[in-house]
């Protein structure tokens, strides 16, 4: 029942090609001149639903607050729903960057949070059970050591612990604020620049 309803919503009620059907090898790209990137993303399942270039799609949810500090109108580049078995799905959120700096890492986390909520809404609409969530950042260079003049962590609420961006990046997890801090799996994917100046790379999901 879920599959039939899901296909009807995707094929008949949604904008054409908003969600695409993909097999186990998914080709993703960032087309902005400042960070053109190509990523071959391989998953285990050969039945997947993919939203490419999410940040360029019309996915604004107008009941969210629009203050810049909340980043609720920001999106990652790509969302993948991987069908593990039956109605169980694994969510992959992928953001593609050239350089990752302290301020940009904070912006990326904002995109992860807003996109996670968007994906949860879509999963509920399409009656998909999300059993695992993984997040990824592709990059060429990273420097997450804040300048000495940056007032990092000075205005944290009483009792909260400041997490150094580099420590978080190296930990394999990203911590997002939902009133309480929730950890998600995070994989940095280093890319290589080819002769055409395009960042290229691949990622193979082993589980």
C-alpha atoms as a PDB file:
ATOM      1  CA  UNK A   1       0.000   0.000   0.000  1.00  0.00           C
ATOM      2  CA  UNK A   2       2.797   2.422   0.945  1.00  0.00           C
ATOM      3  CA  UNK A   3       4.687   1.845  -2.321  1.00  0.00           C
ATOM      4  CA  UNK A   4       1.639   2.406  -4.531  1.00  0.00           C
ATOM      5  CA  UNK A   5       0.676   5.590  -2.683  1.00  0.00           C
ATOM      6  CA  UNK A   6       4.303   6.769  -2.744  1.00  0.00           C
ATOM      7  CA  UNK A   7       4.648   6.300  -6.488  1.00  0.00           C
ATOM      8  CA  UNK A   8       1.379   8.110  -7.116  1.00  0.00           C
ATOM      9  CA  UNK A   9       2.472  11.107  -5.038  1.00  0.00           C
ATOM     10  CA  UNK A  10       5.898  11.264  -6.708  1.00  0.00           C
ATOM     11  CA  UNK A  11       4.716  10.681 -10.263  1.00  0.00           C
ATOM     12  CA  UNK A  12       1.367  12.453 -10.297  1.00  0.00           C
ATOM     13  CA  UNK A  13       1.312  15.065  -7.555  1.00  0.00           C
ATOM     14  CA  UNK A  14       4.889  16.335  -7.374  1.00  0.00           C
ATOM     15  CA  UNK A  15       6.755  18.518  -9.836  1.00  0.00           C
ATOM     16  CA  UNK A  16       8.256  16.369 -12.590  1.00  0.00           C
ATOM     17  CA  UNK A  17      11.725  15.020 -11.710  1.00  0.00           C
ATOM     18  CA  UNK A  18      11.711  16.562  -8.238  1.00  0.00           C
ATOM     19  CA  UNK A  19      12.370  13.074  -6.893  1.00  0.00           C
ATOM     20  CA  UNK A  20      14.233  10.684  -9.174  1.00  0.00           C
ATOM     21  CA  UNK A  21      14.537   6.909  -9.052  1.00  0.00           C
ATOM     22  CA  UNK A  22      18.183   5.758  -8.922  1.00  0.00           C
ATOM     23  CA  UNK A  23      20.098   2.491  -8.712  1.00  0.00           C
ATOM     24  CA  UNK A  24      23.137   1.816  -6.502  1.00  0.00           C
ATOM     25  CA  UNK A  25      25.513   4.220  -8.324  1.00  0.00           C
ATOM     26  CA  UNK A  26      24.364   7.826  -8.044  1.00  0.00           C
ATOM     27  CA  UNK A  27      26.106  10.660  -9.873  1.00  0.00           C
ATOM     28  CA  UNK A  28      25.957  13.966  -8.034  1.00  0.00           C
ATOM     29  CA  UNK A  29      27.290  17.344  -9.068  1.00  0.00           C
ATOM     30  CA  UNK A  30      27.636  20.927  -7.934  1.00  0.00           C
ATOM     31  CA  UNK A  31      27.522  23.306 -10.877  1.00  0.00           C
ATOM     32  CA  UNK A  32      28.473  26.602  -9.228  1.00  0.00           C
ATOM     33  CA  UNK A  33      31.644  27.986 -10.821  1.00  0.00           C
ATOM     34  CA  UNK A  34      33.237  28.614  -7.429  1.00  0.00           C
ATOM     35  CA  UNK A  35      33.054  24.958  -6.453  1.00  0.00           C
ATOM     36  CA  UNK A  36      32.197  22.733  -9.413  1.00  0.00           C
ATOM     37  CA  UNK A  37      32.183  19.160  -8.141  1.00  0.00           C
ATOM     38  CA  UNK A  38      31.413  15.659  -9.393  1.00  0.00           C
ATOM     39  CA  UNK A  39      30.815  12.843  -6.912  1.00  0.00           C
ATOM     40  CA  UNK A  40      30.152   9.168  -7.611  1.00  0.00           C
ATOM     41  CA  UNK A  41      28.111   8.028  -4.614  1.00  0.00           C
ATOM     42  CA  UNK A  42      27.600   4.272  -4.312  1.00  0.00           C
ATOM     43  CA  UNK A  43      25.076   2.728  -1.947  1.00  0.00           C
ATOM     44  CA  UNK A  44      24.156  -0.893  -1.279  1.00  0.00           C
ATOM     45  CA  UNK A  45      20.523  -0.758  -2.386  1.00  0.00           C
ATOM     46  CA  UNK A  46      19.543  -0.524  -6.041  1.00  0.00           C
ATOM     47  CA  UNK A  47      16.161   1.046  -5.185  1.00  0.00           C
ATOM     48  CA  UNK A  48      16.603   4.629  -4.105  1.00  0.00           C
ATOM     49  CA  UNK A  49      14.854   7.988  -4.254  1.00  0.00           C
ATOM     50  CA  UNK A  50      17.041  11.026  -4.874  1.00  0.00           C
ATOM     51  CA  UNK A  51      16.490  14.776  -4.806  1.00  0.00           C
ATOM     52  CA  UNK A  52      19.399  16.408  -6.618  1.00  0.00           C
ATOM     53  CA  UNK A  53      20.344  20.066  -6.273  1.00  0.00           C
ATOM     54  CA  UNK A  54      17.925  20.491  -3.405  1.00  0.00           C
ATOM     55  CA  UNK A  55      19.228  24.001  -2.752  1.00  0.00           C
ATOM     56  CA  UNK A  56      17.966  25.041  -6.197  1.00  0.00           C
ATOM     57  CA  UNK A  57      14.516  23.482  -5.802  1.00  0.00           C
ATOM     58  CA  UNK A  58      11.468  25.263  -4.450  1.00  0.00           C
ATOM     59  CA  UNK A  59      11.373  23.618  -1.018  1.00  0.00           C
ATOM     60  CA  UNK A  60      10.671  26.618   1.225  1.00  0.00           C
ATOM     61  CA  UNK A  61       8.390  25.830   4.151  1.00  0.00           C
ATOM     62  CA  UNK A  62       6.898  29.203   4.927  1.00  0.00           C
ATOM     63  CA  UNK A  63       5.809  28.376   8.462  1.00  0.00           C
ATOM     64  CA  UNK A  64       9.461  28.264   9.553  1.00  0.00           C
ATOM     65  CA  UNK A  65      11.070  31.378  10.981  1.00  0.00           C
ATOM     66  CA  UNK A  66      13.125  33.313   8.441  1.00  0.00           C
ATOM     67  CA  UNK A  67      15.778  34.847  10.694  1.00  0.00           C
ATOM     68  CA  UNK A  68      19.181  34.164   9.214  1.00  0.00           C
ATOM     69  CA  UNK A  69      20.544  32.647  12.438  1.00  0.00           C
ATOM     70  CA  UNK A  70      18.120  29.698  12.188  1.00  0.00           C
ATOM     71  CA  UNK A  71      19.049  28.801   8.559  1.00  0.00           C
ATOM     72  CA  UNK A  72      15.602  27.294   8.008  1.00  0.00           C
ATOM     73  CA  UNK A  73      15.555  28.317   4.349  1.00  0.00           C
ATOM     74  CA  UNK A  74      18.942  26.779   3.557  1.00  0.00           C
ATOM     75  CA  UNK A  75      19.329  23.339   1.998  1.00  0.00           C
ATOM     76  CA  UNK A  76      22.078  20.820   1.353  1.00  0.00           C
ATOM     77  CA  UNK A  77      22.939  20.005  -2.242  1.00  0.00           C
ATOM     78  CA  UNK A  78      21.540  16.476  -2.396  1.00  0.00           C
ATOM     79  CA  UNK A  79      19.191  14.180  -0.489  1.00  0.00           C
ATOM     80  CA  UNK A  80      19.175  10.403  -0.965  1.00  0.00           C
ATOM     81  CA  UNK A  81      16.593   8.015   0.480  1.00  0.00           C
ATOM     82  CA  UNK A  82      18.179   4.556   0.291  1.00  0.00           C
ATOM     83  CA  UNK A  83      15.726   1.655   0.483  1.00  0.00           C
ATOM     84  CA  UNK A  84      17.308  -0.834   2.893  1.00  0.00           C
ATOM     85  CA  UNK A  85      14.486  -3.368   3.039  1.00  0.00           C
ATOM     86  CA  UNK A  86      10.717  -3.306   2.931  1.00  0.00           C
ATOM     87  CA  UNK A  87       9.717   0.155   4.121  1.00  0.00           C
ATOM     88  CA  UNK A  88      12.953   0.913   5.986  1.00  0.00           C
ATOM     89  CA  UNK A  89      15.062   3.714   4.537  1.00  0.00           C
ATOM     90  CA  UNK A  90      18.462   5.280   5.157  1.00  0.00           C
ATOM     91  CA  UNK A  91      18.730   9.037   4.716  1.00  0.00           C
ATOM     92  CA  UNK A  92      21.873  10.570   3.201  1.00  0.00           C
ATOM     93  CA  UNK A  93      22.336  14.362   3.269  1.00  0.00           C
ATOM     94  CA  UNK A  94      25.211  15.625   1.107  1.00  0.00           C
ATOM     95  CA  UNK A  95      26.687  19.124   1.036  1.00  0.00           C
ATOM     96  CA  UNK A  96      29.374  19.960  -1.542  1.00  0.00           C
ATOM     97  CA  UNK A  97      32.019  22.610  -0.795  1.00  0.00           C
ATOM     98  CA  UNK A  98      35.471  23.566  -2.024  1.00  0.00           C
ATOM     99  CA  UNK A  99      36.850  25.038   1.213  1.00  0.00           C
ATOM    100  CA  UNK A 100      35.522  24.474   4.727  1.00  0.00           C
ATOM    101  CA  UNK A 101      36.329  27.195   7.260  1.00  0.00           C
ATOM    102  CA  UNK A 102      34.966  27.829  10.759  1.00  0.00           C
ATOM    103  CA  UNK A 103      32.116  30.124   9.671  1.00  0.00           C
ATOM    104  CA  UNK A 104      31.268  27.910   6.713  1.00  0.00           C
ATOM    105  CA  UNK A 105      31.119  24.827   8.939  1.00  0.00           C
ATOM    106  CA  UNK A 106      28.507  26.597  11.055  1.00  0.00           C
ATOM    107  CA  UNK A 107      26.542  27.374   7.876  1.00  0.00           C
ATOM    108  CA  UNK A 108      26.801  23.746   6.742  1.00  0.00           C
ATOM    109  CA  UNK A 109      25.376  22.581  10.079  1.00  0.00           C
ATOM    110  CA  UNK A 110      22.458  24.957   9.586  1.00  0.00           C
ATOM    111  CA  UNK A 111      21.811  23.400   6.181  1.00  0.00           C
ATOM    112  CA  UNK A 112      21.980  19.909   7.684  1.00  0.00           C
ATOM    113  CA  UNK A 113      19.392  20.768  10.326  1.00  0.00           C
ATOM    114  CA  UNK A 114      16.923  22.408   7.944  1.00  0.00           C
ATOM    115  CA  UNK A 115      17.360  19.649   5.339  1.00  0.00           C
ATOM    116  CA  UNK A 116      16.919  16.928   7.945  1.00  0.00           C
ATOM    117  CA  UNK A 117      13.570  18.419   8.940  1.00  0.00           C
ATOM    118  CA  UNK A 118      12.579  18.715   5.279  1.00  0.00           C
ATOM    119  CA  UNK A 119      13.525  15.068   4.700  1.00  0.00           C
ATOM    120  CA  UNK A 120      11.559  13.977   7.762  1.00  0.00           C
ATOM    121  CA  UNK A 121       8.506  15.752   6.374  1.00  0.00           C
ATOM    122  CA  UNK A 122       8.899  14.119   2.973  1.00  0.00           C
ATOM    123  CA  UNK A 123       9.434  10.704   4.560  1.00  0.00           C
ATOM    124  CA  UNK A 124       6.206  11.068   6.553  1.00  0.00           C
ATOM    125  CA  UNK A 125       4.319  12.183   3.444  1.00  0.00           C
ATOM    126  CA  UNK A 126       5.648   9.215   1.466  1.00  0.00           C
ATOM    127  CA  UNK A 127       5.191   6.808   4.396  1.00  0.00           C
ATOM    128  CA  UNK A 128       8.863   5.849   4.637  1.00  0.00           C
ATOM    129  CA  UNK A 129      10.378   4.670   7.913  1.00  0.00           C
ATOM    130  CA  UNK A 130      13.748   6.385   8.424  1.00  0.00           C
ATOM    131  CA  UNK A 131      15.968   4.009  10.401  1.00  0.00           C
ATOM    132  CA  UNK A 132      19.377   5.607   9.805  1.00  0.00           C
ATOM    133  CA  UNK A 133      20.669   9.099   9.007  1.00  0.00           C
ATOM    134  CA  UNK A 134      24.105   9.948   7.611  1.00  0.00           C
ATOM    135  CA  UNK A 135      25.516  13.327   6.620  1.00  0.00           C
ATOM    136  CA  UNK A 136      28.428  14.138   4.310  1.00  0.00           C
ATOM    137  CA  UNK A 137      30.524  17.148   3.332  1.00  0.00           C
ATOM    138  CA  UNK A 138      32.691  17.039   0.210  1.00  0.00           C
ATOM    139  CA  UNK A 139      35.665  19.390   0.218  1.00  0.00           C
ATOM    140  CA  UNK A 140      39.074  20.127  -1.254  1.00  0.00           C
ATOM    141  CA  UNK A 141      40.596  22.010   1.672  1.00  0.00           C
ATOM    142  CA  UNK A 142      39.624  22.389   5.304  1.00  0.00           C
ATOM    143  CA  UNK A 143      40.825  24.768   8.006  1.00  0.00           C
ATOM    144  CA  UNK A 144      38.758  24.696  11.161  1.00  0.00           C
ATOM    145  CA  UNK A 145      41.196  26.392  13.508  1.00  0.00           C
ATOM    146  CA  UNK A 146      39.558  29.736  14.382  1.00  0.00           C
ATOM    147  CA  UNK A 147      41.633  32.927  14.184  1.00  0.00           C
ATOM    148  CA  UNK A 148      42.936  34.161  17.515  1.00  0.00           C
ATOM    149  CA  UNK A 149      40.684  37.214  17.252  1.00  0.00           C
ATOM    150  CA  UNK A 150      37.469  35.201  16.806  1.00  0.00           C
ATOM    151  CA  UNK A 151      35.327  35.385  19.982  1.00  0.00           C
ATOM    152  CA  UNK A 152      34.444  31.688  19.806  1.00  0.00           C
ATOM    153  CA  UNK A 153      32.062  30.398  22.435  1.00  0.00           C
ATOM    154  CA  UNK A 154      31.929  33.609  24.486  1.00  0.00           C
ATOM    155  CA  UNK A 155      28.153  33.893  24.473  1.00  0.00           C
ATOM    156  CA  UNK A 156      27.135  30.295  25.076  1.00  0.00           C
ATOM    157  CA  UNK A 157      24.154  29.746  27.397  1.00  0.00           C
ATOM    158  CA  UNK A 158      25.096  28.834  30.946  1.00  0.00           C
ATOM    159  CA  UNK A 159      26.017  25.164  31.287  1.00  0.00           C
ATOM    160  CA  UNK A 160      26.651  24.486  27.585  1.00  0.00           C
ATOM    161  CA  UNK A 161      29.987  23.127  26.430  1.00  0.00           C
ATOM    162  CA  UNK A 162      31.726  24.596  23.426  1.00  0.00           C
ATOM    163  CA  UNK A 163      32.744  22.021  20.812  1.00  0.00           C
ATOM    164  CA  UNK A 164      35.735  22.986  18.733  1.00  0.00           C
ATOM    165  CA  UNK A 165      34.869  22.795  15.011  1.00  0.00           C
ATOM    166  CA  UNK A 166      38.004  20.774  14.217  1.00  0.00           C
ATOM    167  CA  UNK A 167      37.253  18.267  16.984  1.00  0.00           C
ATOM    168  CA  UNK A 168      33.715  17.857  15.686  1.00  0.00           C
ATOM    169  CA  UNK A 169      34.921  17.489  12.080  1.00  0.00           C
ATOM    170  CA  UNK A 170      37.434  14.810  13.104  1.00  0.00           C
ATOM    171  CA  UNK A 171      34.979  12.929  15.321  1.00  0.00           C
ATOM    172  CA  UNK A 172      32.873  11.354  12.571  1.00  0.00           C
ATOM    173  CA  UNK A 173      29.777  13.033  13.976  1.00  0.00           C
ATOM    174  CA  UNK A 174      27.956  16.329  13.587  1.00  0.00           C
ATOM    175  CA  UNK A 175      25.993  17.737  16.502  1.00  0.00           C
ATOM    176  CA  UNK A 176      22.788  19.631  15.703  1.00  0.00           C
ATOM    177  CA  UNK A 177      20.701  21.692  18.087  1.00  0.00           C
ATOM    178  CA  UNK A 178      17.072  20.627  18.584  1.00  0.00           C
ATOM    179  CA  UNK A 179      16.779  22.182  22.055  1.00  0.00           C
ATOM    180  CA  UNK A 180      19.002  19.283  23.038  1.00  0.00           C
ATOM    181  CA  UNK A 181      22.118  18.384  21.095  1.00  0.00           C
ATOM    182  CA  UNK A 182      21.663  15.359  18.807  1.00  0.00           C
ATOM    183  CA  UNK A 183      24.590  13.603  17.121  1.00  0.00           C
ATOM    184  CA  UNK A 184      24.444  12.294  13.549  1.00  0.00           C
ATOM    185  CA  UNK A 185      26.997  10.329  11.587  1.00  0.00           C
ATOM    186  CA  UNK A 186      29.132  12.672   9.450  1.00  0.00           C
ATOM    187  CA  UNK A 187      31.657  11.732   6.772  1.00  0.00           C
ATOM    188  CA  UNK A 188      34.027  14.310   5.266  1.00  0.00           C
ATOM    189  CA  UNK A 189      34.822  13.340   1.649  1.00  0.00           C
ATOM    190  CA  UNK A 190      38.003  14.880   0.284  1.00  0.00           C
ATOM    191  CA  UNK A 191      37.888  15.654  -3.430  1.00  0.00           C
ATOM    192  CA  UNK A 192      40.671  16.059  -5.995  1.00  0.00           C
ATOM    193  CA  UNK A 193      40.772  18.806  -8.599  1.00  0.00           C
ATOM    194  CA  UNK A 194      41.155  17.486 -12.159  1.00  0.00           C
ATOM    195  CA  UNK A 195      42.724  19.149 -15.206  1.00  0.00           C
ATOM    196  CA  UNK A 196      39.476  20.990 -15.926  1.00  0.00           C
ATOM    197  CA  UNK A 197      39.416  22.482 -12.446  1.00  0.00           C
ATOM    198  CA  UNK A 198      36.493  20.303 -11.330  1.00  0.00           C
ATOM    199  CA  UNK A 199      36.551  18.669  -7.912  1.00  0.00           C
ATOM    200  CA  UNK A 200      36.009  14.927  -8.306  1.00  0.00           C
ATOM    201  CA  UNK A 201      35.628  12.069  -5.874  1.00  0.00           C
ATOM    202  CA  UNK A 202      33.775   8.948  -4.918  1.00  0.00           C
ATOM    203  CA  UNK A 203      32.166   7.474  -1.856  1.00  0.00           C
ATOM    204  CA  UNK A 204      31.216   3.846  -1.262  1.00  0.00           C
ATOM    205  CA  UNK A 205      28.775   3.096   1.542  1.00  0.00           C
ATOM    206  CA  UNK A 206      29.885  -0.152   3.151  1.00  0.00           C
ATOM    207  CA  UNK A 207      26.838  -0.602   5.349  1.00  0.00           C
END
